[in-house]
Amino acid sequence: MKKGMISLLVFGLTTQLFAQDPATDTVAVPLPEVTIVNTNYGYISSVDSKDTAIPVEELQYEVGTFNLKTLDIYEDEYDFYDVYFIIPEGKILASFDKDGNISRTVERFKNIDLPYPVAKAILKRFPNWSFANNVYIVNYYKSDGVEKKYKVTLENGDQRIKVKLDAQGNFL
């Protein structure tokens, strides 16, 4: 036991002997300045919502951070590029200008989780109905902003109805 304690003490002191001496360290080399620019911040902030389903958020982030100039077909002579982004839950068609800015998008997602305001409004107005399926549609225009709609099919036994709502849960 005595040898173990002495060896731990010696080991603890020797590790501190090899610490770096700040006086002998090399002078810090300044790194070049890096600027990160997202040209599509307007799109990302317009379509962003705290209640949006995770697959929708991830695909919208991919569209917003997409670098058009990395495409093999990119050339400065074309004014617009249409790019499809597809996942199993939905798709986004985004139109980019030649500088890589998003001018408009058309988005469609099927059977995603409904945000709380939409689900609450439906359950309040149709208490005995269940959700059969839904479609989430987003239209973004750089000049006009964003329009979000939910088309929901409800079932009650053998009856079916379709309702349309905006992102705040207002019936259209």
Protein backbone atom coordinates (compact mmCIF):
# COMPACT_ATOMS: atom_id res chain seq x y z
CA MET A 1 0.00 0.00 0.00
CA LYS A 2 2.86 2.30 0.91
CA LYS A 3 4.63 1.64 -2.43
CA GLY A 4 1.38 2.35 -4.32
CA MET A 5 0.91 5.73 -2.64
CA ILE A 6 4.51 6.73 -3.27
CA SER A 7 4.32 5.70 -6.93
CA LEU A 8 1.08 7.74 -7.39
CA LEU A 9 2.76 10.74 -5.79
CA VAL A 10 5.85 10.45 -8.00
CA PHE A 11 3.70 9.95 -11.11
CA GLY A 12 1.57 13.00 -10.24
CA LEU A 13 4.65 15.21 -9.85
CA THR A 14 6.40 14.00 -13.00
CA THR A 15 3.47 14.82 -15.27
CA GLN A 16 3.70 18.45 -14.23
CA LEU A 17 7.38 18.57 -15.09
CA PHE A 18 6.57 18.21 -18.79
CA ALA A 19 4.13 21.12 -18.97
CA GLN A 20 4.74 23.71 -21.67
CA ASP A 21 6.63 26.84 -20.87
CA PRO A 22 4.82 29.85 -22.35
CA ALA A 23 8.07 31.81 -22.67
CA THR A 24 9.53 29.24 -25.10
CA ASP A 25 6.35 28.68 -27.17
CA THR A 26 6.28 29.99 -30.71
CA VAL A 27 4.45 33.23 -31.39
CA ALA A 28 0.82 32.74 -32.45
CA VAL A 29 0.34 33.11 -36.17
CA PRO A 30 -2.71 35.18 -37.13
CA LEU A 31 -5.14 33.29 -39.34
CA PRO A 32 -6.74 34.83 -42.42
CA GLU A 33 -10.18 36.29 -41.93
CA VAL A 34 -13.07 34.09 -43.09
CA THR A 35 -16.43 35.51 -44.11
CA ILE A 36 -19.43 33.20 -44.38
CA VAL A 37 -22.21 34.60 -46.50
CA ASN A 38 -25.63 33.06 -47.01
CA THR A 39 -27.30 34.75 -49.93
CA ASN A 40 -30.64 33.08 -49.23
CA TYR A 41 -31.21 34.26 -45.66
CA GLY A 42 -34.51 35.82 -46.79
CA TYR A 43 -35.84 32.45 -47.88
CA ILE A 44 -34.71 30.66 -44.72
CA SER A 45 -36.20 33.30 -42.42
CA SER A 46 -39.47 33.43 -44.41
CA VAL A 47 -40.22 29.71 -44.40
CA ASP A 48 -38.89 29.08 -40.89
CA SER A 49 -41.45 28.13 -38.30
CA LYS A 50 -41.03 26.63 -34.85
CA ASP A 51 -43.84 24.11 -35.45
CA THR A 52 -42.68 22.83 -38.85
CA ALA A 53 -42.01 19.10 -39.14
CA ILE A 54 -38.36 18.05 -39.01
CA PRO A 55 -38.09 16.65 -42.58
CA VAL A 56 -39.54 19.91 -43.91
CA GLU A 57 -37.08 22.02 -41.92
CA GLU A 58 -34.13 19.93 -43.06
CA LEU A 59 -35.04 20.10 -46.74
CA GLN A 60 -35.73 23.84 -46.56
CA TYR A 61 -32.33 24.33 -44.92
CA GLU A 62 -30.69 22.35 -47.74
CA VAL A 63 -32.39 24.58 -50.30
CA GLY A 64 -31.38 27.74 -48.45
CA THR A 65 -27.74 26.74 -48.14
CA PHE A 66 -27.40 25.21 -51.62
CA ASN A 67 -24.53 26.58 -53.69
CA LEU A 68 -25.71 26.74 -57.29
CA LYS A 69 -22.21 27.30 -58.61
CA THR A 70 -21.17 23.76 -57.61
CA LEU A 71 -23.42 22.23 -60.28
CA ASP A 72 -21.72 20.79 -63.33
CA ILE A 73 -24.22 22.51 -65.62
CA TYR A 74 -23.72 25.98 -64.13
CA GLU A 75 -22.74 28.69 -66.60
CA ASP A 76 -22.97 32.46 -66.24
CA GLU A 77 -24.93 32.87 -69.46
CA TYR A 78 -28.22 31.44 -68.12
CA ASP A 79 -30.48 33.73 -66.11
CA PHE A 80 -32.40 31.10 -64.09
CA TYR A 81 -31.89 27.56 -62.88
CA ASP A 82 -34.64 25.25 -61.60
CA VAL A 83 -33.42 22.68 -59.09
CA TYR A 84 -35.49 19.85 -57.55
CA PHE A 85 -34.86 18.75 -53.99
CA ILE A 86 -36.65 15.48 -53.19
CA ILE A 87 -37.09 13.40 -50.02
CA PRO A 88 -39.68 10.66 -49.38
CA GLU A 89 -41.95 13.09 -47.50
CA GLY A 90 -41.98 15.74 -50.20
CA LYS A 91 -40.19 17.89 -52.71
CA ILE A 92 -39.14 21.45 -53.39
CA LEU A 93 -38.68 23.06 -56.78
CA ALA A 94 -36.46 26.09 -56.34
CA SER A 95 -35.69 28.70 -58.99
CA PHE A 96 -32.28 30.33 -58.62
CA ASP A 97 -30.95 33.35 -60.49
CA LYS A 98 -27.44 33.24 -61.96
CA ASP A 99 -25.98 34.63 -58.72
CA GLY A 100 -27.39 31.75 -56.67
CA ASN A 101 -30.25 33.69 -55.03
CA ILE A 102 -33.62 31.98 -54.67
CA SER A 103 -36.33 33.84 -56.59
CA ARG A 104 -39.20 31.43 -55.87
CA THR A 105 -40.00 27.95 -54.59
CA VAL A 106 -42.90 25.55 -54.88
CA GLU A 107 -42.97 23.04 -52.02
CA ARG A 108 -45.23 20.06 -51.38
CA PHE A 109 -45.04 17.60 -48.48
CA LYS A 110 -47.36 14.67 -47.77
CA ASN A 111 -48.44 13.22 -44.42
CA ILE A 112 -46.17 15.25 -42.17
CA ASP A 113 -46.80 16.07 -38.53
CA LEU A 114 -49.27 18.95 -38.30
CA PRO A 115 -48.21 21.96 -36.24
CA TYR A 116 -50.03 22.52 -32.97
CA PRO A 117 -52.20 25.50 -34.08
CA VAL A 118 -53.47 23.58 -37.13
CA ALA A 119 -54.20 20.35 -35.24
CA LYS A 120 -55.87 22.28 -32.40
CA ALA A 121 -58.16 24.19 -34.80
CA ILE A 122 -59.21 20.99 -36.56
CA LEU A 123 -59.90 19.11 -33.33
CA LYS A 124 -61.89 22.03 -31.97
CA ARG A 125 -64.11 22.29 -35.05
CA PHE A 126 -64.30 18.54 -35.81
CA PRO A 127 -64.00 16.78 -32.42
CA ASN A 128 -65.07 13.26 -33.48
CA TRP A 129 -63.07 13.13 -36.70
CA SER A 130 -59.64 11.58 -37.24
CA PHE A 131 -56.81 12.61 -39.54
CA ALA A 132 -56.59 10.45 -42.69
CA ASN A 133 -53.83 12.29 -44.58
CA ASN A 134 -52.54 15.78 -45.23
CA VAL A 135 -50.60 17.88 -47.71
CA TYR A 136 -48.46 20.87 -46.75
CA ILE A 137 -47.96 23.40 -49.55
CA VAL A 138 -45.54 26.33 -49.44
CA ASN A 139 -45.13 28.95 -52.14
CA TYR A 140 -42.27 31.37 -51.67
CA TYR A 141 -41.71 34.44 -53.84
CA LYS A 142 -38.77 36.70 -53.15
CA SER A 143 -40.86 39.79 -53.90
CA ASP A 144 -44.15 38.71 -52.24
CA GLY A 145 -43.07 36.56 -49.31
CA VAL A 146 -44.38 33.14 -48.37
CA GLU A 147 -47.79 31.43 -48.43
CA LYS A 148 -48.31 28.27 -46.34
CA LYS A 149 -51.37 26.00 -46.61
CA TYR A 150 -52.45 22.68 -45.17
CA LYS A 151 -54.95 20.44 -46.95
CA VAL A 152 -56.20 17.83 -44.50
CA THR A 153 -58.50 14.87 -45.15
CA LEU A 154 -60.61 13.90 -42.14
CA GLU A 155 -62.52 10.66 -41.54
CA ASN A 156 -65.47 9.80 -39.31
CA GLY A 157 -66.55 6.24 -39.99
CA ASP A 158 -67.29 6.05 -43.72
CA GLN A 159 -67.53 9.85 -44.11
CA ARG A 160 -64.62 11.89 -45.45
CA ILE A 161 -64.15 15.63 -45.72
CA LYS A 162 -61.29 17.85 -46.86
CA VAL A 163 -60.41 21.10 -45.13
CA LYS A 164 -57.86 23.82 -45.92
CA LEU A 165 -56.05 25.85 -43.28
CA ASP A 166 -53.25 28.35 -43.12
CA ALA A 167 -50.22 27.95 -40.84
CA GLN A 168 -51.97 29.74 -37.95
CA GLY A 169 -54.91 27.32 -37.96
CA ASN A 170 -57.41 29.59 -39.75
CA PHE A 171 -59.81 27.78 -42.06
CA LEU A 172 -59.72 28.93 -45.68
